[in-house]
């Protein structure tokens, strides 16, 4: 868990977030940027305290390796939420990080509705490519998230377990990912590394192992992909009925 906390009261905004765009940042005064020369990566970086310069490097590494930074840390064992210090730092230094990544062909997106930052790129070379089973699990996670999110009794945190994902894929894709449990465990770990799920107690081979599905799944798998999966499922069922 990160430990960065900004003392600026601007960020204590009763849980409300604003969409950050270049030139209109939270927690900064317009007078801070009267000199346009200071609104370069170098200028903004040099304005940081030494400790924050080190934290800037940490934020860059986290975004490059994890892609998604969530606003809230969720303890799957206790169900408690806490503010993510990395998110707070990125929010308060969005100008600098946006410009820095823009030079490398990335876009740092602030999803205010779902409480996350996402690093995106149109370059195929900058993308992580999932294997077939990981892609299937991603679709299952997205469908489970969507179904539970629309259920008022679910609450704000969407949780699932290994068994639910396995059963979903059996029912909808006709695939049993438990045939290779080591590969299945590695696939779930991939989603943890990208902050798409947060694991509770237990082993990935155990069907009762619980995890939280984070809002990052909405960026990973589009609604169009979910529709495509459901249409494919309907077509397969119709074909089975005809053959039967």
Protein backbone atom coordinates (compact mmCIF):
# COMPACT_ATOMS: atom_id res chain seq x y z
CA UNK A 1 0.00 0.00 0.00
CA UNK A 2 1.38 3.44 -0.89
CA UNK A 3 1.92 6.12 1.71
CA UNK A 4 1.73 9.39 -0.22
CA UNK A 5 -0.74 11.89 1.20
CA UNK A 6 -1.04 15.50 0.04
CA UNK A 7 -1.81 18.06 2.72
CA UNK A 8 -3.68 20.27 0.25
CA UNK A 9 -7.32 20.40 1.35
CA UNK A 10 -8.34 20.59 -2.30
CA UNK A 11 -8.27 16.81 -2.43
CA UNK A 12 -10.61 16.32 0.48
CA UNK A 13 -13.69 16.77 -1.71
CA UNK A 14 -16.26 14.46 -0.12
CA UNK A 15 -15.49 11.66 -2.54
CA UNK A 16 -16.19 13.75 -5.65
CA UNK A 17 -13.63 13.79 -8.43
CA UNK A 18 -13.22 16.08 -11.39
CA UNK A 19 -12.01 15.10 -14.84
CA UNK A 20 -8.48 16.34 -15.35
CA UNK A 21 -7.55 17.91 -18.67
CA UNK A 22 -4.28 19.63 -19.58
CA UNK A 23 -4.33 23.23 -18.43
CA UNK A 24 -7.00 22.76 -15.77
CA UNK A 25 -5.61 20.90 -12.80
CA UNK A 26 -6.88 20.27 -9.33
CA UNK A 27 -4.90 21.69 -6.42
CA UNK A 28 -2.99 24.35 -8.41
CA UNK A 29 -3.53 28.10 -8.71
CA UNK A 30 -3.62 29.71 -12.14
CA UNK A 31 -0.92 32.07 -10.95
CA UNK A 32 1.37 29.09 -10.51
CA UNK A 33 1.56 28.75 -14.28
CA UNK A 34 1.75 32.34 -15.44
CA UNK A 35 5.09 31.53 -17.02
CA UNK A 36 4.28 29.05 -19.81
CA UNK A 37 7.89 27.91 -19.85
CA UNK A 38 7.30 26.34 -16.47
CA UNK A 39 4.54 24.16 -17.90
CA UNK A 40 7.04 21.87 -19.55
CA UNK A 41 7.97 18.49 -18.13
CA UNK A 42 11.26 19.91 -16.88
CA UNK A 43 9.64 22.99 -15.39
CA UNK A 44 6.94 21.08 -13.56
CA UNK A 45 9.39 18.42 -12.37
CA UNK A 46 11.77 21.02 -10.96
CA UNK A 47 8.90 22.50 -8.93
CA UNK A 48 8.52 19.23 -7.03
CA UNK A 49 10.10 18.72 -3.65
CA UNK A 50 12.95 16.21 -3.67
CA UNK A 51 10.81 13.56 -1.99
CA UNK A 52 8.06 14.09 -4.55
CA UNK A 53 10.59 13.78 -7.37
CA UNK A 54 11.35 10.29 -6.07
CA UNK A 55 7.62 9.59 -5.83
CA UNK A 56 7.22 10.76 -9.44
CA UNK A 57 9.61 8.01 -10.51
CA UNK A 58 7.57 5.50 -8.53
CA UNK A 59 4.34 6.65 -10.18
CA UNK A 60 5.88 6.29 -13.64
CA UNK A 61 7.03 2.74 -12.87
CA UNK A 62 3.62 1.77 -11.48
CA UNK A 63 1.76 3.07 -14.52
CA UNK A 64 4.15 1.44 -16.99
CA UNK A 65 4.02 -1.94 -15.28
CA UNK A 66 0.46 -1.96 -13.94
CA UNK A 67 -1.42 0.28 -16.42
CA UNK A 68 -4.22 1.04 -13.93
CA UNK A 69 -4.02 2.95 -10.64
CA UNK A 70 -7.14 2.76 -8.47
CA UNK A 71 -8.47 5.50 -6.21
CA UNK A 72 -9.32 3.09 -3.41
CA UNK A 73 -7.40 0.19 -1.89
CA UNK A 74 -9.77 -2.64 -1.00
CA UNK A 75 -8.99 -5.19 1.72
CA UNK A 76 -10.70 -8.36 0.53
CA UNK A 77 -10.36 -9.91 3.98
CA UNK A 78 -12.02 -7.11 5.96
CA UNK A 79 -14.02 -5.37 3.22
CA UNK A 80 -12.53 -2.01 4.25
CA UNK A 81 -11.61 0.72 1.78
CA UNK A 82 -8.78 3.24 2.06
CA UNK A 83 -7.50 6.02 -0.17
CA UNK A 84 -4.63 4.98 -2.44
CA UNK A 85 -1.64 7.26 -1.96
CA UNK A 86 -0.40 6.61 -5.49
CA UNK A 87 -3.72 7.83 -6.89
CA UNK A 88 -3.53 10.97 -4.76
CA UNK A 89 -0.04 11.75 -6.03
CA UNK A 90 -0.98 11.23 -9.68
CA UNK A 91 -4.10 13.37 -9.25
CA UNK A 92 -2.13 16.23 -7.71
CA UNK A 93 0.63 16.03 -10.35
CA UNK A 94 -1.47 15.15 -13.35
CA UNK A 95 -0.05 17.90 -15.61
CA UNK A 96 3.48 16.63 -15.19
CA UNK A 97 2.63 12.96 -15.68
CA UNK A 98 0.32 13.64 -18.62
CA UNK A 99 2.98 15.62 -20.47
CA UNK A 100 5.69 13.11 -19.60
CA UNK A 101 3.78 10.13 -21.00
CA UNK A 102 2.51 12.12 -23.97
CA UNK A 103 6.11 12.49 -25.18
CA UNK A 104 6.34 8.68 -25.31
CA UNK A 105 3.11 8.22 -27.23
CA UNK A 106 0.93 7.38 -24.22
CA UNK A 107 -2.23 9.00 -22.91
CA UNK A 108 -2.86 9.18 -19.18
CA UNK A 109 -6.63 8.95 -18.78
CA UNK A 110 -8.43 10.00 -15.60
CA UNK A 111 -11.70 8.07 -15.30
CA UNK A 112 -13.52 10.18 -12.73
CA UNK A 113 -16.66 8.02 -12.69
CA UNK A 114 -14.88 4.79 -11.80
CA UNK A 115 -12.04 6.22 -9.75
CA UNK A 116 -8.93 5.20 -11.66
CA UNK A 117 -6.09 6.34 -13.88
CA UNK A 118 -5.33 4.33 -17.01
CA UNK A 119 -2.26 4.52 -19.24
CA UNK A 120 -3.25 3.96 -22.86
CA UNK A 121 -1.39 3.70 -26.17
CA UNK A 122 -2.40 3.09 -29.77
CA UNK A 123 0.92 1.39 -30.46
CA UNK A 124 0.68 -2.38 -30.63
CA UNK A 125 4.27 -2.66 -29.42
CA UNK A 126 3.24 -1.03 -26.12
CA UNK A 127 0.38 -3.43 -25.48
CA UNK A 128 0.41 -6.58 -23.38
CA UNK A 129 -0.98 -9.52 -25.33
CA UNK A 130 -3.14 -12.01 -23.44
CA UNK A 131 -3.13 -15.69 -24.26
CA UNK A 132 -6.42 -17.39 -25.20
CA UNK A 133 -7.33 -18.51 -21.70
CA UNK A 134 -6.52 -15.12 -20.17
CA UNK A 135 -8.74 -13.50 -22.79
CA UNK A 136 -11.57 -15.85 -21.86
CA UNK A 137 -11.15 -15.08 -18.17
CA UNK A 138 -11.18 -11.35 -18.95
CA UNK A 139 -14.51 -11.71 -20.73
CA UNK A 140 -15.89 -13.70 -17.80
CA UNK A 141 -14.74 -11.06 -15.31
CA UNK A 142 -16.36 -8.31 -17.39
CA UNK A 143 -19.68 -10.15 -17.65
CA UNK A 144 -19.73 -10.99 -13.94
CA UNK A 145 -18.88 -7.37 -13.08
CA UNK A 146 -21.64 -6.04 -15.30
CA UNK A 147 -24.26 -8.41 -13.91
CA UNK A 148 -23.42 -7.70 -10.27
CA UNK A 149 -23.02 -3.96 -10.82
CA UNK A 150 -26.60 -3.74 -12.08
CA UNK A 151 -27.86 -5.59 -8.97
CA UNK A 152 -28.71 -3.05 -6.20
CA UNK A 153 -28.07 -5.69 -3.51
CA UNK A 154 -24.43 -6.10 -4.55
CA UNK A 155 -23.14 -2.81 -3.16
CA UNK A 156 -20.19 -0.76 -4.36
CA UNK A 157 -17.59 -3.54 -4.34
CA UNK A 158 -17.88 -6.32 -6.91
CA UNK A 159 -16.48 -9.58 -5.59
CA UNK A 160 -16.32 -13.03 -7.13
CA UNK A 161 -14.42 -16.28 -6.69
CA UNK A 162 -12.50 -18.72 -8.85
CA UNK A 163 -15.40 -21.15 -8.96
CA UNK A 164 -17.79 -18.54 -10.36
CA UNK A 165 -15.41 -17.71 -13.20
CA UNK A 166 -14.82 -21.40 -13.95
CA UNK A 167 -18.55 -22.10 -14.04
CA UNK A 168 -19.24 -19.06 -16.22
CA UNK A 169 -16.76 -20.25 -18.82
CA UNK A 170 -18.17 -23.78 -18.73
CA UNK A 171 -21.71 -22.50 -19.25
CA UNK A 172 -21.02 -19.77 -21.80
CA UNK A 173 -17.83 -20.69 -23.65
CA UNK A 174 -17.88 -24.47 -23.17
CA UNK A 175 -14.32 -24.39 -21.80
CA UNK A 176 -12.95 -25.87 -18.58
CA UNK A 177 -9.92 -23.83 -17.53
CA UNK A 178 -9.27 -26.16 -14.56
CA UNK A 179 -7.78 -28.75 -16.91
CA UNK A 180 -4.45 -26.98 -16.33
CA UNK A 181 -4.61 -25.51 -12.84
CA UNK A 182 -1.07 -24.13 -12.91
CA UNK A 183 -1.82 -22.19 -16.07
CA UNK A 184 -5.12 -21.03 -14.57
CA UNK A 185 -3.29 -19.74 -11.48
CA UNK A 186 -0.78 -17.88 -13.65
CA UNK A 187 -3.60 -16.32 -15.67
CA UNK A 188 -5.32 -15.00 -12.55
CA UNK A 189 -1.99 -13.61 -11.31
CA UNK A 190 -1.72 -11.64 -14.56
CA UNK A 191 -4.93 -9.81 -13.70
CA UNK A 192 -3.61 -9.05 -10.21
CA UNK A 193 -0.45 -7.51 -11.68
CA UNK A 194 -2.59 -5.08 -13.72
CA UNK A 195 -4.85 -4.18 -10.77
CA UNK A 196 -7.86 -5.70 -12.53
CA UNK A 197 -8.59 -8.00 -9.59
CA UNK A 198 -7.49 -7.92 -5.95
CA UNK A 199 -7.05 -11.31 -4.31
CA UNK A 200 -8.19 -12.38 -0.87
CA UNK A 201 -7.00 -15.39 1.13
CA UNK A 202 -6.50 -18.74 -0.53
CA UNK A 203 -4.83 -20.34 -3.54
CA UNK A 204 -5.85 -19.77 -7.13
CA UNK A 205 -6.48 -23.49 -7.51
CA UNK A 206 -9.19 -23.32 -4.84
CA UNK A 207 -12.65 -22.56 -6.31
CA UNK A 208 -13.61 -20.70 -3.12
CA UNK A 209 -10.75 -18.19 -3.34
CA UNK A 210 -12.37 -14.76 -3.43
CA UNK A 211 -11.25 -11.60 -5.15
CA UNK A 212 -12.52 -8.13 -5.96
CA UNK A 213 -13.09 -7.18 -9.60
CA UNK A 214 -11.96 -3.57 -9.94
CA UNK A 215 -13.41 -0.95 -12.33
CA UNK A 216 -10.29 -1.40 -14.46
CA UNK A 217 -12.10 -4.32 -16.15
CA UNK A 218 -14.33 -1.73 -17.86
CA UNK A 219 -11.29 -0.36 -19.67
CA UNK A 220 -9.83 -3.76 -20.46
CA UNK A 221 -12.97 -5.28 -22.00
CA UNK A 222 -15.45 -3.07 -23.83
CA UNK A 223 -19.21 -3.45 -23.71
CA UNK A 224 -19.06 -4.39 -27.39
CA UNK A 225 -16.94 -7.44 -26.53
CA UNK A 226 -19.50 -8.52 -23.95
CA UNK A 227 -22.26 -8.23 -26.55
CA UNK A 228 -20.15 -10.23 -28.98
CA UNK A 229 -19.72 -13.01 -26.42
CA UNK A 230 -23.43 -13.15 -25.62
CA UNK A 231 -24.34 -13.26 -29.30
CA UNK A 232 -21.87 -16.07 -29.84
CA UNK A 233 -23.39 -17.96 -26.93
CA UNK A 234 -26.92 -17.58 -28.36
CA UNK A 235 -25.73 -18.78 -31.78
CA UNK A 236 -24.10 -21.87 -30.24
CA UNK A 237 -27.27 -22.70 -28.30
CA UNK A 238 -29.43 -22.34 -31.41
CA UNK A 239 -27.07 -24.62 -33.33
CA UNK A 240 -27.28 -27.25 -30.57
CA UNK A 241 -31.08 -27.09 -30.64
CA UNK A 242 -31.13 -27.62 -34.42
CA UNK A 243 -28.73 -30.54 -34.20
CA UNK A 244 -30.73 -32.01 -31.32
